[in-house]
Amino acid sequence: MEAGFTLMEILVAVAVLAICLVTIMQLFAGGLRSSVIAADYNRAVFHAREKMEQILAVENLGESVEQGDFGDGFRWWAETVLVIPEVEEAVADDAMPVIDLPFDILYVRVVVFWGAGDKERQFELETAKPIEPVLMPDGG
């Protein structure tokens, strides 16, 4: 009796090895895709924070809408909106007292975009900044 493998045993072993290798390669490729996506989101967060800091550093910040390009495939859009807290009259006896705030609020929103078409992604960052009260034309 001769010891050895039959052709059928070798074919089965090669087939199992091929299936295992294909699965491992797919997992490896998926991991690489995930790391690229994570790196892009990390860069978008960095760009959004950078643009937010630039906007908040402006002395007399007012309402505006701006957009631009970072030059590395990432684009940005920023909006600042003035929110003047409304003072409501207390109509009921048990109503909470009305507090007139000594500041107005500037709402700042920064959106960073990258990619194109169906692959376009975005990251959005928002904050609010208290500012000196804006005098309205009617003296209010």
Protein backbone atom coordinates (compact mmCIF):
# COMPACT_ATOMS: atom_id res chain seq x y z
CA MET A 1 0.00 0.00 0.00
CA GLU A 2 1.41 3.36 -1.03
CA ALA A 3 1.09 6.43 1.19
CA GLY A 4 0.06 9.73 -0.38
CA PHE A 5 -2.78 12.00 -1.34
CA THR A 6 -5.24 11.35 -4.09
CA LEU A 7 -5.97 13.94 -6.75
CA MET A 8 -9.41 14.50 -5.24
CA GLU A 9 -7.95 15.26 -1.79
CA ILE A 10 -5.54 17.77 -3.30
CA LEU A 11 -8.31 19.50 -5.26
CA VAL A 12 -10.49 19.79 -2.14
CA ALA A 13 -7.57 21.18 -0.13
CA VAL A 14 -6.76 23.76 -2.83
CA ALA A 15 -10.44 24.77 -3.05
CA VAL A 16 -10.67 25.28 0.73
CA LEU A 17 -7.43 27.27 0.70
CA ALA A 18 -8.71 29.45 -2.17
CA ILE A 19 -11.99 30.19 -0.36
CA CYS A 20 -10.09 31.12 2.81
CA LEU A 21 -7.68 33.39 0.93
CA VAL A 22 -10.51 35.20 -0.91
CA THR A 23 -12.34 35.79 2.38
CA ILE A 24 -9.20 37.13 4.05
CA MET A 25 -8.50 39.45 1.10
CA GLN A 26 -12.06 40.80 1.18
CA LEU A 27 -11.76 41.52 4.90
CA PHE A 28 -8.43 43.24 4.33
CA ALA A 29 -9.87 45.38 1.49
CA GLY A 30 -12.89 46.29 3.64
CA GLY A 31 -10.57 47.36 6.45
CA LEU A 32 -8.59 49.57 4.07
CA ARG A 33 -11.81 51.20 2.80
CA SER A 34 -12.93 51.83 6.37
CA SER A 35 -9.61 53.42 7.28
CA VAL A 36 -9.78 55.74 4.25
CA ILE A 37 -13.34 56.80 5.17
CA ALA A 38 -12.28 57.38 8.79
CA ALA A 39 -9.30 59.46 7.66
CA ASP A 40 -11.58 61.58 5.45
CA TYR A 41 -14.02 62.18 8.33
CA ASN A 42 -11.10 63.06 10.60
CA ARG A 43 -9.84 65.62 8.06
CA ALA A 44 -13.39 67.01 7.67
CA VAL A 45 -13.71 67.45 11.45
CA PHE A 46 -10.35 69.23 11.52
CA HIS A 47 -11.37 71.55 8.66
CA ALA A 48 -14.77 72.28 10.25
CA ARG A 49 -13.21 73.14 13.61
CA GLU A 50 -10.60 75.31 11.90
CA LYS A 51 -13.25 77.25 9.95
CA MET A 52 -15.46 77.56 13.05
CA GLU A 53 -12.55 79.04 15.03
CA GLN A 54 -11.82 81.51 12.20
CA ILE A 55 -15.44 82.65 12.15
CA LEU A 56 -15.73 82.96 15.93
CA ALA A 57 -12.49 84.99 16.09
CA VAL A 58 -14.03 87.83 14.04
CA GLU A 59 -14.65 90.87 16.27
CA ASN A 60 -17.90 92.27 14.86
CA LEU A 61 -19.47 89.07 13.68
CA GLY A 62 -22.81 89.50 11.93
CA GLU A 63 -25.19 87.55 9.77
CA SER A 64 -23.59 86.07 6.65
CA VAL A 65 -23.38 83.08 4.34
CA GLU A 66 -19.97 82.14 2.94
CA GLN A 67 -18.43 79.23 1.11
CA GLY A 68 -15.02 78.18 -0.09
CA ASP A 69 -12.54 75.45 -0.83
CA PHE A 70 -9.74 74.12 1.36
CA GLY A 71 -7.72 73.07 -1.69
CA ASP A 72 -7.44 69.38 -0.80
CA GLY A 73 -10.77 68.15 -2.15
CA PHE A 74 -12.78 69.49 0.79
CA ARG A 75 -15.24 72.37 0.43
CA TRP A 76 -16.98 74.39 3.12
CA TRP A 77 -20.17 76.38 3.59
CA ALA A 78 -20.80 78.58 6.64
CA GLU A 79 -23.82 80.48 7.87
CA THR A 80 -24.20 82.88 10.78
CA VAL A 81 -27.70 83.85 11.87
CA LEU A 82 -28.63 86.39 14.54
CA VAL A 83 -31.19 85.13 17.03
CA ILE A 84 -32.73 87.84 19.19
CA PRO A 85 -34.48 86.28 22.19
CA GLU A 86 -38.09 87.35 22.21
CA VAL A 87 -39.52 88.78 25.40
CA GLU A 88 -43.05 87.53 25.98
CA GLU A 89 -45.52 89.27 28.23
CA ALA A 90 -46.60 87.36 31.32
CA VAL A 91 -50.34 86.99 30.95
CA ALA A 92 -51.22 84.61 33.76
CA ASP A 93 -50.75 85.27 37.45
CA ASP A 94 -48.79 82.07 37.88
CA ALA A 95 -46.56 82.66 34.83
CA MET A 96 -42.82 82.63 35.19
CA PRO A 97 -41.24 86.07 35.37
CA VAL A 98 -39.89 87.35 32.08
CA ILE A 99 -36.14 87.82 31.97
CA ASP A 100 -34.72 90.27 29.46
CA LEU A 101 -31.36 88.81 28.46
CA PRO A 102 -28.41 91.23 28.25
CA PHE A 103 -27.15 89.59 25.06
CA ASP A 104 -28.26 88.30 21.68
CA ILE A 105 -27.26 84.96 20.24
CA LEU A 106 -25.38 84.37 17.01
CA TYR A 107 -25.96 80.88 15.63
CA VAL A 108 -22.97 79.61 13.60
CA ARG A 109 -23.14 76.56 11.32
CA VAL A 110 -20.24 75.13 9.28
CA VAL A 111 -20.66 72.28 6.79
CA VAL A 112 -17.69 70.54 5.15
CA PHE A 113 -18.26 68.52 1.95
CA TRP A 114 -16.02 66.07 0.10
CA GLY A 115 -16.39 63.48 -2.63
CA ALA A 116 -18.72 63.76 -5.61
CA GLY A 117 -21.98 62.35 -6.90
CA ASP A 118 -23.37 59.45 -4.91
CA LYS A 119 -20.15 59.31 -2.88
CA GLU A 120 -20.42 62.90 -1.58
CA ARG A 121 -20.20 63.08 2.18
CA GLN A 122 -20.55 65.93 4.64
CA PHE A 123 -19.79 66.85 8.24
CA GLU A 124 -21.68 69.61 10.05
CA LEU A 125 -20.63 71.62 13.10
CA GLU A 126 -22.88 74.08 14.94
CA THR A 127 -22.50 76.43 17.88
CA ALA A 128 -24.03 79.54 19.40
CA LYS A 129 -22.14 82.63 20.52
CA PRO A 130 -23.51 85.31 22.85
CA ILE A 131 -22.94 88.80 21.47
CA GLU A 132 -23.72 92.36 22.44
CA PRO A 133 -27.39 93.21 21.91
CA VAL A 134 -28.18 94.53 18.44
CA LEU A 135 -30.17 97.75 18.53
CA MET A 136 -33.20 97.50 16.30
CA PRO A 137 -34.24 100.51 14.13
CA ASP A 138 -37.35 101.06 16.26
CA GLY A 139 -35.14 101.60 19.31
CA GLY A 140 -35.83 98.13 20.81
